[in-house]
Amino acid sequence: EIIVFHKLEREDMRHIIEIQIKRLRQQLVERDVTIEFTNEALNKLAEEGYDPAFGARPLRRVLQRMIEDPMSEMILRGEIPNGSKVVIEPNDMSSEDINEEESIVDIKVTQPKEIVKVESE
């Protein structure tokens, strides 16, 4: 029996990245951290993770290297406290311009607002 695999299209990559992001969101629920991606950031990550020869396999590594690893380090340093909102935006870097410690996207964190109770007399 022969199984034919068709080449992935850009739209397919977008669906695959959304599945991967859903898993990331589920992991962040424990910390009450929300994460949002701009459309431009999703497109840039999908483009970076696309390889005609390997399909979507490189996409997982791109998400890990560009999003998950840096966010893990930020959480350990206390830069993403519980209740934070994280927004992923594209930057002006391309994969050709970066080294291992840089990224093609920026991770912006909005700290949770502290609620202050005021006692009434």
PDB file of N, CA and C in Angstrom:
ATOM      1  N   GLU A   1       0.841  -1.175   0.000  1.00  0.00           N
ATOM      2  CA  GLU A   1       0.000   0.000   0.000  1.00  0.00           C
ATOM      3  C   GLU A   1       0.891   1.245   0.000  1.00  0.00           C
ATOM      4  N   ILE A   2       0.529   2.216  -0.797  1.00  0.00           N
ATOM      5  CA  ILE A   2       1.299   3.452  -0.910  1.00  0.00           C
ATOM      6  C   ILE A   2       0.501   4.590  -0.288  1.00  0.00           C
ATOM      7  N   ILE A   3       1.176   5.335   0.568  1.00  0.00           N
ATOM      8  CA  ILE A   3       0.554   6.518   1.171  1.00  0.00           C
ATOM      9  C   ILE A   3       1.218   7.740   0.561  1.00  0.00           C
ATOM     10  N   VAL A   4       0.420   8.609   0.011  1.00  0.00           N
ATOM     11  CA  VAL A   4       0.934   9.825  -0.616  1.00  0.00           C
ATOM     12  C   VAL A   4       0.750  10.986   0.352  1.00  0.00           C
ATOM     13  N   PHE A   5       1.836  11.674   0.645  1.00  0.00           N
ATOM     14  CA  PHE A   5       1.776  12.864   1.481  1.00  0.00           C
ATOM     15  C   PHE A   5       1.867  14.082   0.576  1.00  0.00           C
ATOM     16  N   HIS A   6       0.891  14.931   0.687  1.00  0.00           N
ATOM     17  CA  HIS A   6       0.894  16.151  -0.105  1.00  0.00           C
ATOM     18  C   HIS A   6       1.695  17.230   0.617  1.00  0.00           C
ATOM     19  N   LYS A   7       2.297  18.080  -0.162  1.00  0.00           N
ATOM     20  CA  LYS A   7       3.087  19.179   0.373  1.00  0.00           C
ATOM     21  C   LYS A   7       2.193  20.101   1.198  1.00  0.00           C
ATOM     22  N   LEU A   8       2.697  20.515   2.363  1.00  0.00           N
ATOM     23  CA  LEU A   8       1.942  21.437   3.205  1.00  0.00           C
ATOM     24  C   LEU A   8       1.923  22.827   2.586  1.00  0.00           C
ATOM     25  N   GLU A   9       0.800  23.460   2.675  1.00  0.00           N
ATOM     26  CA  GLU A   9       0.655  24.839   2.213  1.00  0.00           C
ATOM     27  C   GLU A   9       0.802  25.778   3.410  1.00  0.00           C
ATOM     28  N   ARG A  10       0.932  27.060   3.136  1.00  0.00           N
ATOM     29  CA  ARG A  10       1.076  28.060   4.204  1.00  0.00           C
ATOM     30  C   ARG A  10      -0.117  28.014   5.170  1.00  0.00           C
ATOM     31  N   GLU A  11      -1.311  27.840   4.632  1.00  0.00           N
ATOM     32  CA  GLU A  11      -2.510  27.777   5.475  1.00  0.00           C
ATOM     33  C   GLU A  11      -2.453  26.573   6.420  1.00  0.00           C
ATOM     34  N   ASP A  12      -1.889  25.471   5.948  1.00  0.00           N
ATOM     35  CA  ASP A  12      -1.724  24.290   6.804  1.00  0.00           C
ATOM     36  C   ASP A  12      -0.791  24.597   7.967  1.00  0.00           C
ATOM     37  N   MET A  13       0.268  25.334   7.685  1.00  0.00           N
ATOM     38  CA  MET A  13       1.225  25.702   8.728  1.00  0.00           C
ATOM     39  C   MET A  13       0.546  26.543   9.795  1.00  0.00           C
ATOM     40  N   ARG A  14      -0.330  27.419   9.373  1.00  0.00           N
ATOM     41  CA  ARG A  14      -1.048  28.279  10.316  1.00  0.00           C
ATOM     42  C   ARG A  14      -1.903  27.426  11.260  1.00  0.00           C
ATOM     43  N   HIS A  15      -2.573  26.413  10.733  1.00  0.00           N
ATOM     44  CA  HIS A  15      -3.382  25.531  11.583  1.00  0.00           C
ATOM     45  C   HIS A  15      -2.503  24.742  12.554  1.00  0.00           C
ATOM     46  N   ILE A  16      -1.379  24.294  12.084  1.00  0.00           N
ATOM     47  CA  ILE A  16      -0.469  23.514  12.929  1.00  0.00           C
ATOM     48  C   ILE A  16       0.085  24.374  14.054  1.00  0.00           C
ATOM     49  N   ILE A  17       0.459  25.606  13.745  1.00  0.00           N
ATOM     50  CA  ILE A  17       0.997  26.487  14.788  1.00  0.00           C
ATOM     51  C   ILE A  17      -0.077  26.803  15.824  1.00  0.00           C
ATOM     52  N   GLU A  18      -1.326  26.930  15.394  1.00  0.00           N
ATOM     53  CA  GLU A  18      -2.412  27.191  16.344  1.00  0.00           C
ATOM     54  C   GLU A  18      -2.620  26.006  17.288  1.00  0.00           C
ATOM     55  N   ILE A  19      -2.439  24.793  16.802  1.00  0.00           N
ATOM     56  CA  ILE A  19      -2.521  23.605  17.662  1.00  0.00           C
ATOM     57  C   ILE A  19      -1.396  23.623  18.695  1.00  0.00           C
ATOM     58  N   GLN A  20      -0.187  23.952  18.254  1.00  0.00           N
ATOM     59  CA  GLN A  20       0.952  24.021  19.169  1.00  0.00           C
ATOM     60  C   GLN A  20       0.741  25.102  20.229  1.00  0.00           C
ATOM     61  N   ILE A  21       0.192  26.242  19.826  1.00  0.00           N
ATOM     62  CA  ILE A  21      -0.042  27.344  20.759  1.00  0.00           C
ATOM     63  C   ILE A  21      -1.112  26.964  21.772  1.00  0.00           C
ATOM     64  N   LYS A  22      -2.092  26.205  21.350  1.00  0.00           N
ATOM     65  CA  LYS A  22      -3.137  25.751  22.276  1.00  0.00           C
ATOM     66  C   LYS A  22      -2.514  24.937  23.406  1.00  0.00           C
ATOM     67  N   ARG A  23      -1.559  24.091  23.079  1.00  0.00           N
ATOM     68  CA  ARG A  23      -0.858  23.304  24.102  1.00  0.00           C
ATOM     69  C   ARG A  23      -0.092  24.218  25.059  1.00  0.00           C
ATOM     70  N   LEU A  24       0.560  25.234  24.512  1.00  0.00           N
ATOM     71  CA  LEU A  24       1.298  26.181  25.344  1.00  0.00           C
ATOM     72  C   LEU A  24       0.345  26.915  26.282  1.00  0.00           C
ATOM     73  N   ARG A  25      -0.793  27.347  25.765  1.00  0.00           N
ATOM     74  CA  ARG A  25      -1.786  28.037  26.605  1.00  0.00           C
ATOM     75  C   ARG A  25      -2.238  27.145  27.763  1.00  0.00           C
ATOM     76  N   GLN A  26      -2.444  25.873  27.486  1.00  0.00           N
ATOM     77  CA  GLN A  26      -2.872  24.941  28.532  1.00  0.00           C
ATOM     78  C   GLN A  26      -1.813  24.819  29.629  1.00  0.00           C
ATOM     79  N   GLN A  27      -0.547  24.862  29.251  1.00  0.00           N
ATOM     80  CA  GLN A  27       0.527  24.789  30.241  1.00  0.00           C
ATOM     81  C   GLN A  27       0.565  26.042  31.109  1.00  0.00           C
ATOM     82  N   LEU A  28       0.219  27.186  30.533  1.00  0.00           N
ATOM     83  CA  LEU A  28       0.286  28.447  31.263  1.00  0.00           C
ATOM     84  C   LEU A  28      -0.916  28.678  32.171  1.00  0.00           C
ATOM     85  N   VAL A  29      -1.985  27.902  31.978  1.00  0.00           N
ATOM     86  CA  VAL A  29      -3.192  28.059  32.794  1.00  0.00           C
ATOM     87  C   VAL A  29      -2.872  27.886  34.280  1.00  0.00           C
ATOM     88  N   GLU A  30      -1.987  26.953  34.607  1.00  0.00           N
ATOM     89  CA  GLU A  30      -1.615  26.707  36.004  1.00  0.00           C
ATOM     90  C   GLU A  30      -1.077  27.963  36.675  1.00  0.00           C
ATOM     91  N   ARG A  31      -0.423  28.818  35.915  1.00  0.00           N
ATOM     92  CA  ARG A  31       0.171  30.037  36.455  1.00  0.00           C
ATOM     93  C   ARG A  31      -0.735  31.247  36.253  1.00  0.00           C
ATOM     94  N   ASP A  32      -1.925  31.023  35.722  1.00  0.00           N
ATOM     95  CA  ASP A  32      -2.869  32.099  35.429  1.00  0.00           C
ATOM     96  C   ASP A  32      -2.229  33.133  34.492  1.00  0.00           C
ATOM     97  N   VAL A  33      -1.422  32.640  33.560  1.00  0.00           N
ATOM     98  CA  VAL A  33      -0.764  33.492  32.566  1.00  0.00           C
ATOM     99  C   VAL A  33      -1.473  33.289  31.235  1.00  0.00           C
ATOM    100  N   THR A  34      -1.832  34.398  30.597  1.00  0.00           N
ATOM    101  CA  THR A  34      -2.441  34.314  29.270  1.00  0.00           C
ATOM    102  C   THR A  34      -1.412  34.732  28.235  1.00  0.00           C
ATOM    103  N   ILE A  35      -1.552  34.196  27.041  1.00  0.00           N
ATOM    104  CA  ILE A  35      -0.623  34.527  25.965  1.00  0.00           C
ATOM    105  C   ILE A  35      -1.413  34.800  24.699  1.00  0.00           C
ATOM    106  N   GLU A  36      -1.022  35.860  24.012  1.00  0.00           N
ATOM    107  CA  GLU A  36      -1.643  36.229  22.747  1.00  0.00           C
ATOM    108  C   GLU A  36      -0.551  36.416  21.701  1.00  0.00           C
ATOM    109  N   PHE A  37      -0.876  36.069  20.475  1.00  0.00           N
ATOM    110  CA  PHE A  37       0.036  36.236  19.349  1.00  0.00           C
ATOM    111  C   PHE A  37      -0.623  37.168  18.346  1.00  0.00           C
ATOM    112  N   THR A  38       0.110  38.157  17.849  1.00  0.00           N
ATOM    113  CA  THR A  38      -0.435  38.961  16.763  1.00  0.00           C
ATOM    114  C   THR A  38      -0.433  38.100  15.503  1.00  0.00           C
ATOM    115  N   ASN A  39      -1.282  38.447  14.552  1.00  0.00           N
ATOM    116  CA  ASN A  39      -1.306  37.708  13.282  1.00  0.00           C
ATOM    117  C   ASN A  39       0.050  37.745  12.603  1.00  0.00           C
ATOM    118  N   GLU A  40       0.709  38.903  12.686  1.00  0.00           N
ATOM    119  CA  GLU A  40       2.021  39.045  12.059  1.00  0.00           C
ATOM    120  C   GLU A  40       3.042  38.109  12.702  1.00  0.00           C
ATOM    121  N   ALA A  41       2.977  37.974  14.026  1.00  0.00           N
ATOM    122  CA  ALA A  41       3.899  37.072  14.722  1.00  0.00           C
ATOM    123  C   ALA A  41       3.634  35.619  14.332  1.00  0.00           C
ATOM    124  N   LEU A  42       2.356  35.244  14.260  1.00  0.00           N
ATOM    125  CA  LEU A  42       2.012  33.878  13.843  1.00  0.00           C
ATOM    126  C   LEU A  42       2.528  33.592  12.441  1.00  0.00           C
ATOM    127  N   ASN A  43       2.335  34.547  11.544  1.00  0.00           N
ATOM    128  CA  ASN A  43       2.809  34.366  10.168  1.00  0.00           C
ATOM    129  C   ASN A  43       4.323  34.231  10.114  1.00  0.00           C
ATOM    130  N   LYS A  44       5.011  35.044  10.903  1.00  0.00           N
ATOM    131  CA  LYS A  44       6.472  35.011  10.904  1.00  0.00           C
ATOM    132  C   LYS A  44       6.987  33.683  11.471  1.00  0.00           C
ATOM    133  N   LEU A  45       6.375  33.211  12.542  1.00  0.00           N
ATOM    134  CA  LEU A  45       6.776  31.926  13.123  1.00  0.00           C
ATOM    135  C   LEU A  45       6.470  30.773  12.177  1.00  0.00           C
ATOM    136  N   ALA A  46       5.308  30.826  11.529  1.00  0.00           N
ATOM    137  CA  ALA A  46       4.938  29.773  10.572  1.00  0.00           C
ATOM    138  C   ALA A  46       5.912  29.754   9.398  1.00  0.00           C
ATOM    139  N   GLU A  47       6.289  30.926   8.940  1.00  0.00           N
ATOM    140  CA  GLU A  47       7.249  31.028   7.832  1.00  0.00           C
ATOM    141  C   GLU A  47       8.607  30.460   8.247  1.00  0.00           C
ATOM    142  N   GLU A  48       9.032  30.810   9.454  1.00  0.00           N
ATOM    143  CA  GLU A  48      10.322  30.336   9.956  1.00  0.00           C
ATOM    144  C   GLU A  48      10.322  28.820  10.158  1.00  0.00           C
ATOM    145  N   GLY A  49       9.180  28.272  10.555  1.00  0.00           N
ATOM    146  CA  GLY A  49       9.098  26.843  10.840  1.00  0.00           C
ATOM    147  C   GLY A  49       8.769  25.979   9.645  1.00  0.00           C
ATOM    148  N   TYR A  50       8.609  26.589   8.486  1.00  0.00           N
ATOM    149  CA  TYR A  50       8.233  25.843   7.286  1.00  0.00           C
ATOM    150  C   TYR A  50       9.464  25.404   6.517  1.00  0.00           C
ATOM    151  N   ASP A  51       9.477  24.150   6.133  1.00  0.00           N
ATOM    152  CA  ASP A  51      10.552  23.623   5.304  1.00  0.00           C
ATOM    153  C   ASP A  51       9.912  22.694   4.276  1.00  0.00           C
ATOM    154  N   PRO A  52      10.064  22.994   2.981  1.00  0.00           N
ATOM    155  CA  PRO A  52       9.424  22.167   1.957  1.00  0.00           C
ATOM    156  C   PRO A  52       9.797  20.684   2.054  1.00  0.00           C
ATOM    157  N   ALA A  53      11.012  20.398   2.473  1.00  0.00           N
ATOM    158  CA  ALA A  53      11.457  19.005   2.546  1.00  0.00           C
ATOM    159  C   ALA A  53      10.938  18.284   3.788  1.00  0.00           C
ATOM    160  N   PHE A  54      10.843  18.999   4.898  1.00  0.00           N
ATOM    161  CA  PHE A  54      10.470  18.372   6.165  1.00  0.00           C
ATOM    162  C   PHE A  54       9.073  18.733   6.638  1.00  0.00           C
ATOM    163  N   GLY A  55       8.366  19.568   5.917  1.00  0.00           N
ATOM    164  CA  GLY A  55       7.010  19.942   6.311  1.00  0.00           C
ATOM    165  C   GLY A  55       7.003  20.775   7.578  1.00  0.00           C
ATOM    166  N   ALA A  56       6.216  20.350   8.563  1.00  0.00           N
ATOM    167  CA  ALA A  56       6.034  21.125   9.796  1.00  0.00           C
ATOM    168  C   ALA A  56       6.971  20.703  10.920  1.00  0.00           C
ATOM    169  N   ARG A  57       7.816  19.709  10.687  1.00  0.00           N
ATOM    170  CA  ARG A  57       8.695  19.241  11.763  1.00  0.00           C
ATOM    171  C   ARG A  57       9.541  20.354  12.377  1.00  0.00           C
ATOM    172  N   PRO A  58      10.127  21.240  11.590  1.00  0.00           N
ATOM    173  CA  PRO A  58      10.931  22.309  12.193  1.00  0.00           C
ATOM    174  C   PRO A  58      10.114  23.307  13.014  1.00  0.00           C
ATOM    175  N   LEU A  59       8.809  23.363  12.795  1.00  0.00           N
ATOM    176  CA  LEU A  59       7.966  24.337  13.491  1.00  0.00           C
ATOM    177  C   LEU A  59       8.014  24.145  14.999  1.00  0.00           C
ATOM    178  N   ARG A  60       7.984  22.922  15.459  1.00  0.00           N
ATOM    179  CA  ARG A  60       8.035  22.641  16.899  1.00  0.00           C
ATOM    180  C   ARG A  60       9.306  23.206  17.509  1.00  0.00           C
ATOM    181  N   ARG A  61      10.428  23.032  16.822  1.00  0.00           N
ATOM    182  CA  ARG A  61      11.701  23.546  17.333  1.00  0.00           C
ATOM    183  C   ARG A  61      11.724  25.070  17.327  1.00  0.00           C
ATOM    184  N   VAL A  62      11.116  25.676  16.316  1.00  0.00           N
ATOM    185  CA  VAL A  62      11.057  27.143  16.253  1.00  0.00           C
ATOM    186  C   VAL A  62      10.267  27.680  17.438  1.00  0.00           C
ATOM    187  N   LEU A  63       9.109  27.104  17.713  1.00  0.00           N
ATOM    188  CA  LEU A  63       8.304  27.558  18.851  1.00  0.00           C
ATOM    189  C   LEU A  63       9.051  27.359  20.165  1.00  0.00           C
ATOM    190  N   GLN A  64       9.734  26.257  20.283  1.00  0.00           N
ATOM    191  CA  GLN A  64      10.485  25.996  21.504  1.00  0.00           C
ATOM    192  C   GLN A  64      11.616  27.012  21.670  1.00  0.00           C
ATOM    193  N   ARG A  65      12.373  27.240  20.595  1.00  0.00           N
ATOM    194  CA  ARG A  65      13.524  28.139  20.661  1.00  0.00           C
ATOM    195  C   ARG A  65      13.128  29.603  20.789  1.00  0.00           C
ATOM    196  N   MET A  66      12.076  30.020  20.086  1.00  0.00           N
ATOM    197  CA  MET A  66      11.712  31.436  20.037  1.00  0.00           C
ATOM    198  C   MET A  66      10.720  31.861  21.125  1.00  0.00           C
ATOM    199  N   ILE A  67       9.907  30.919  21.625  1.00  0.00           N
ATOM    200  CA  ILE A  67       8.855  31.277  22.573  1.00  0.00           C
ATOM    201  C   ILE A  67       9.017  30.550  23.910  1.00  0.00           C
ATOM    202  N   GLU A  68       8.972  29.225  23.881  1.00  0.00           N
ATOM    203  CA  GLU A  68       8.919  28.465  25.125  1.00  0.00           C
ATOM    204  C   GLU A  68      10.181  28.599  25.973  1.00  0.00           C
ATOM    205  N   ASP A  69      11.350  28.444  25.379  1.00  0.00           N
ATOM    206  CA  ASP A  69      12.592  28.548  26.151  1.00  0.00           C
ATOM    207  C   ASP A  69      12.773  29.942  26.752  1.00  0.00           C
ATOM    208  N   PRO A  70      12.630  31.023  25.957  1.00  0.00           N
ATOM    209  CA  PRO A  70      12.769  32.353  26.562  1.00  0.00           C
ATOM    210  C   PRO A  70      11.727  32.627  27.652  1.00  0.00           C
ATOM    211  N   MET A  71      10.478  32.174  27.430  1.00  0.00           N
ATOM    212  CA  MET A  71       9.451  32.397  28.453  1.00  0.00           C
ATOM    213  C   MET A  71       9.762  31.621  29.726  1.00  0.00           C
ATOM    214  N   SER A  72      10.286  30.412  29.594  1.00  0.00           N
ATOM    215  CA  SER A  72      10.661  29.621  30.774  1.00  0.00           C
ATOM    216  C   SER A  72      11.719  30.349  31.588  1.00  0.00           C
ATOM    217  N   GLU A  73      12.701  30.895  30.900  1.00  0.00           N
ATOM    218  CA  GLU A  73      13.745  31.652  31.594  1.00  0.00           C
ATOM    219  C   GLU A  73      13.171  32.898  32.254  1.00  0.00           C
ATOM    220  N   MET A  74      12.252  33.572  31.576  1.00  0.00           N
ATOM    221  CA  MET A  74      11.622  34.766  32.143  1.00  0.00           C
ATOM    222  C   MET A  74      10.799  34.410  33.386  1.00  0.00           C
ATOM    223  N   ILE A  75      10.116  33.287  33.357  1.00  0.00           N
ATOM    224  CA  ILE A  75       9.341  32.843  34.521  1.00  0.00           C
ATOM    225  C   ILE A  75      10.280  32.558  35.689  1.00  0.00           C
ATOM    226  N   LEU A  76      11.384  31.873  35.426  1.00  0.00           N
ATOM    227  CA  LEU A  76      12.344  31.558  36.486  1.00  0.00           C
ATOM    228  C   LEU A  76      12.962  32.817  37.089  1.00  0.00           C
ATOM    229  N   ARG A  77      13.159  33.854  36.273  1.00  0.00           N
ATOM    230  CA  ARG A  77      13.719  35.123  36.764  1.00  0.00           C
ATOM    231  C   ARG A  77      12.652  36.007  37.413  1.00  0.00           C
ATOM    232  N   GLY A  78      11.401  35.571  37.403  1.00  0.00           N
ATOM    233  CA  GLY A  78      10.329  36.357  38.007  1.00  0.00           C
ATOM    234  C   GLY A  78       9.790  37.460  37.122  1.00  0.00           C
ATOM    235  N   GLU A  79      10.123  37.429  35.845  1.00  0.00           N
ATOM    236  CA  GLU A  79       9.675  38.475  34.923  1.00  0.00           C
ATOM    237  C   GLU A  79       8.261  38.229  34.404  1.00  0.00           C
ATOM    238  N   ILE A  80       7.748  37.012  34.587  1.00  0.00           N
ATOM    239  CA  ILE A  80       6.373  36.686  34.201  1.00  0.00           C
ATOM    240  C   ILE A  80       5.689  36.099  35.435  1.00  0.00           C
ATOM    241  N   PRO A  81       5.193  36.970  36.323  1.00  0.00           N
ATOM    242  CA  PRO A  81       4.523  36.455  37.522  1.00  0.00           C
ATOM    243  C   PRO A  81       3.139  35.896  37.198  1.00  0.00           C
ATOM    244  N   ASN A  82       2.604  35.142  38.133  1.00  0.00           N
ATOM    245  CA  ASN A  82       1.247  34.621  37.973  1.00  0.00           C
ATOM    246  C   ASN A  82       0.292  35.777  37.690  1.00  0.00           C
ATOM    247  N   GLY A  83      -0.661  35.542  36.797  1.00  0.00           N
ATOM    248  CA  GLY A  83      -1.648  36.558  36.457  1.00  0.00           C
ATOM    249  C   GLY A  83      -1.220  37.495  35.342  1.00  0.00           C
ATOM    250  N   SER A  84      -0.045  37.278  34.772  1.00  0.00           N
ATOM    251  CA  SER A  84       0.459  38.157  33.708  1.00  0.00           C
ATOM    252  C   SER A  84      -0.211  37.869  32.373  1.00  0.00           C
ATOM    253  N   LYS A  85      -0.109  38.856  31.501  1.00  0.00           N
ATOM    254  CA  LYS A  85      -0.538  38.691  30.110  1.00  0.00           C
ATOM    255  C   LYS A  85       0.710  38.842  29.246  1.00  0.00           C
ATOM    256  N   VAL A  86       0.920  37.890  28.358  1.00  0.00           N
ATOM    257  CA  VAL A  86       2.081  37.903  27.474  1.00  0.00           C
ATOM    258  C   VAL A  86       1.583  38.093  26.045  1.00  0.00           C
ATOM    259  N   VAL A  87       2.212  39.032  25.337  1.00  0.00           N
ATOM    260  CA  VAL A  87       1.866  39.277  23.940  1.00  0.00           C
ATOM    261  C   VAL A  87       3.107  39.029  23.096  1.00  0.00           C
ATOM    262  N   ILE A  88       2.948  38.219  22.059  1.00  0.00           N
ATOM    263  CA  ILE A  88       4.046  37.913  21.150  1.00  0.00           C
ATOM    264  C   ILE A  88       3.852  38.743  19.889  1.00  0.00           C
ATOM    265  N   GLU A  89       4.856  39.582  19.600  1.00  0.00           N
ATOM    266  CA  GLU A  89       4.809  40.464  18.431  1.00  0.00           C
ATOM    267  C   GLU A  89       6.043  40.229  17.569  1.00  0.00           C
ATOM    268  N   PRO A  90       5.932  40.472  16.277  1.00  0.00           N
ATOM    269  CA  PRO A  90       7.120  40.327  15.428  1.00  0.00           C
ATOM    270  C   PRO A  90       8.079  41.488  15.671  1.00  0.00           C
ATOM    271  N   ASN A  91       9.338  41.257  15.397  1.00  0.00           N
ATOM    272  CA  ASN A  91      10.292  42.361  15.400  1.00  0.00           C
ATOM    273  C   ASN A  91      10.911  42.450  14.008  1.00  0.00           C
ATOM    274  N   ASP A  92      11.909  43.290  13.855  1.00  0.00           N
ATOM    275  CA  ASP A  92      12.499  43.519  12.536  1.00  0.00           C
ATOM    276  C   ASP A  92      13.584  42.513  12.172  1.00  0.00           C
ATOM    277  N   MET A  93      13.829  41.542  13.060  1.00  0.00           N
ATOM    278  CA  MET A  93      14.892  40.574  12.815  1.00  0.00           C
ATOM    279  C   MET A  93      14.396  39.471  11.879  1.00  0.00           C
ATOM    280  N   SER A  94      15.306  38.928  11.112  1.00  0.00           N
ATOM    281  CA  SER A  94      14.997  37.746  10.307  1.00  0.00           C
ATOM    282  C   SER A  94      15.906  36.625  10.785  1.00  0.00           C
ATOM    283  N   SER A  95      15.595  35.414  10.396  1.00  0.00           N
ATOM    284  CA  SER A  95      16.383  34.276  10.873  1.00  0.00           C
ATOM    285  C   SER A  95      17.848  34.375  10.456  1.00  0.00           C
ATOM    286  N   GLU A  96      18.111  35.065   9.362  1.00  0.00           N
ATOM    287  CA  GLU A  96      19.500  35.233   8.917  1.00  0.00           C
ATOM    288  C   GLU A  96      20.260  36.218   9.800  1.00  0.00           C
ATOM    289  N   ASP A  97      19.527  37.102  10.510  1.00  0.00           N
ATOM    290  CA  ASP A  97      20.150  38.161  11.306  1.00  0.00           C
ATOM    291  C   ASP A  97      20.436  37.763  12.746  1.00  0.00           C
ATOM    292  N   ILE A  98      19.911  36.629  13.196  1.00  0.00           N
ATOM    293  CA  ILE A  98      19.962  36.332  14.625  1.00  0.00           C
ATOM    294  C   ILE A  98      20.956  35.228  14.956  1.00  0.00           C
ATOM    295  N   ASN A  99      21.380  35.239  16.223  1.00  0.00           N
ATOM    296  CA  ASN A  99      22.182  34.131  16.731  1.00  0.00           C
ATOM    297  C   ASN A  99      21.280  33.281  17.621  1.00  0.00           C
ATOM    298  N   GLU A 100      21.836  32.310  18.318  1.00  0.00           N
ATOM    299  CA  GLU A 100      21.026  31.376  19.107  1.00  0.00           C
ATOM    300  C   GLU A 100      20.260  32.044  20.239  1.00  0.00           C
ATOM    301  N   GLU A 101      20.747  33.179  20.732  1.00  0.00           N
ATOM    302  CA  GLU A 101      20.104  33.827  21.872  1.00  0.00           C
ATOM    303  C   GLU A 101      19.102  34.893  21.452  1.00  0.00           C
ATOM    304  N   GLU A 102      18.942  35.143  20.175  1.00  0.00           N
ATOM    305  CA  GLU A 102      18.017  36.162  19.697  1.00  0.00           C
ATOM    306  C   GLU A 102      16.787  35.504  19.086  1.00  0.00           C
ATOM    307  N   SER A 103      15.790  36.329  18.790  1.00  0.00           N
ATOM    308  CA  SER A 103      14.536  35.798  18.277  1.00  0.00           C
ATOM    309  C   SER A 103      13.981  36.708  17.193  1.00  0.00           C
ATOM    310  N   ILE A 104      13.081  36.151  16.389  1.00  0.00           N
ATOM    311  CA  ILE A 104      12.410  36.930  15.350  1.00  0.00           C
ATOM    312  C   ILE A 104      11.119  37.555  15.875  1.00  0.00           C
ATOM    313  N   VAL A 105      10.813  37.286  17.154  1.00  0.00           N
ATOM    314  CA  VAL A 105       9.632  37.878  17.787  1.00  0.00           C
ATOM    315  C   VAL A 105      10.032  38.468  19.134  1.00  0.00           C
ATOM    316  N   ASP A 106       9.208  39.389  19.624  1.00  0.00           N
ATOM    317  CA  ASP A 106       9.414  39.979  20.941  1.00  0.00           C
ATOM    318  C   ASP A 106       8.354  39.451  21.892  1.00  0.00           C
ATOM    319  N   ILE A 107       8.757  39.220  23.125  1.00  0.00           N
ATOM    320  CA  ILE A 107       7.843  38.763  24.169  1.00  0.00           C
ATOM    321  C   ILE A 107       7.606  39.939  25.102  1.00  0.00           C
ATOM    322  N   LYS A 108       6.378  40.450  25.106  1.00  0.00           N
ATOM    323  CA  LYS A 108       6.032  41.598  25.946  1.00  0.00           C
ATOM    324  C   LYS A 108       5.109  41.129  27.061  1.00  0.00           C
ATOM    325  N   VAL A 109       5.432  41.548  28.282  1.00  0.00           N
ATOM    326  CA  VAL A 109       4.688  41.094  29.455  1.00  0.00           C
ATOM    327  C   VAL A 109       3.977  42.267  30.105  1.00  0.00           C
ATOM    328  N   THR A 110       2.694  42.077  30.377  1.00  0.00           N
ATOM    329  CA  THR A 110       1.929  43.037  31.157  1.00  0.00           C
ATOM    330  C   THR A 110       1.752  42.423  32.538  1.00  0.00           C
ATOM    331  N   GLN A 111       2.319  43.082  33.530  1.00  0.00           N
ATOM    332  CA  GLN A 111       2.242  42.584  34.898  1.00  0.00           C
ATOM    333  C   GLN A 111       0.811  42.696  35.415  1.00  0.00           C
ATOM    334  N   PRO A 112       0.409  41.778  36.280  1.00  0.00           N
ATOM    335  CA  PRO A 112      -0.931  41.893  36.858  1.00  0.00           C
ATOM    336  C   PRO A 112      -1.007  43.111  37.765  1.00  0.00           C
ATOM    337  N   LYS A 113      -2.154  43.733  37.777  1.00  0.00           N
ATOM    338  CA  LYS A 113      -2.337  44.889  38.651  1.00  0.00           C
ATOM    339  C   LYS A 113      -2.666  44.384  40.048  1.00  0.00           C
ATOM    340  N   GLU A 114      -2.026  45.012  41.006  1.00  0.00           N
ATOM    341  CA  GLU A 114      -2.271  44.633  42.389  1.00  0.00           C
ATOM    342  C   GLU A 114      -3.580  45.266  42.850  1.00  0.00           C
ATOM    343  N   ILE A 115      -4.425  44.469  43.441  1.00  0.00           N
ATOM    344  CA  ILE A 115      -5.706  44.963  43.934  1.00  0.00           C
ATOM    345  C   ILE A 115      -5.522  45.401  45.379  1.00  0.00           C
ATOM    346  N   VAL A 116      -5.892  46.636  45.646  1.00  0.00           N
ATOM    347  CA  VAL A 116      -5.765  47.182  46.991  1.00  0.00           C
ATOM    348  C   VAL A 116      -7.163  47.342  47.566  1.00  0.00           C
ATOM    349  N   LYS A 117      -7.381  46.739  48.717  1.00  0.00           N
ATOM    350  CA  LYS A 117      -8.677  46.876  49.370  1.00  0.00           C
ATOM    351  C   LYS A 117      -8.659  48.127  50.238  1.00  0.00           C
ATOM    352  N   VAL A 118      -9.716  48.883  50.124  1.00  0.00           N
ATOM    353  CA  VAL A 118      -9.848  50.086  50.935  1.00  0.00           C
ATOM    354  C   VAL A 118     -10.941  49.822  51.959  1.00  0.00           C
ATOM    355  N   GLU A 119     -10.570  49.964  53.208  1.00  0.00           N
ATOM    356  CA  GLU A 119     -11.538  49.755  54.287  1.00  0.00           C
ATOM    357  C   GLU A 119     -12.422  50.984  54.404  1.00  0.00           C
ATOM    358  N   SER A 120     -13.710  50.774  54.448  1.00  0.00           N
ATOM    359  CA  SER A 120     -14.618  51.904  54.640  1.00  0.00           C
ATOM    360  C   SER A 120     -14.958  52.019  56.115  1.00  0.00           C
ATOM    361  N   GLU A 121     -15.199  53.229  56.536  1.00  0.00           N
ATOM    362  CA  GLU A 121     -15.488  53.461  57.955  1.00  0.00           C
ATOM    363  C   GLU A 121     -16.938  53.334  58.252  1.00  0.00           C
TER     364      GLU A 121
END
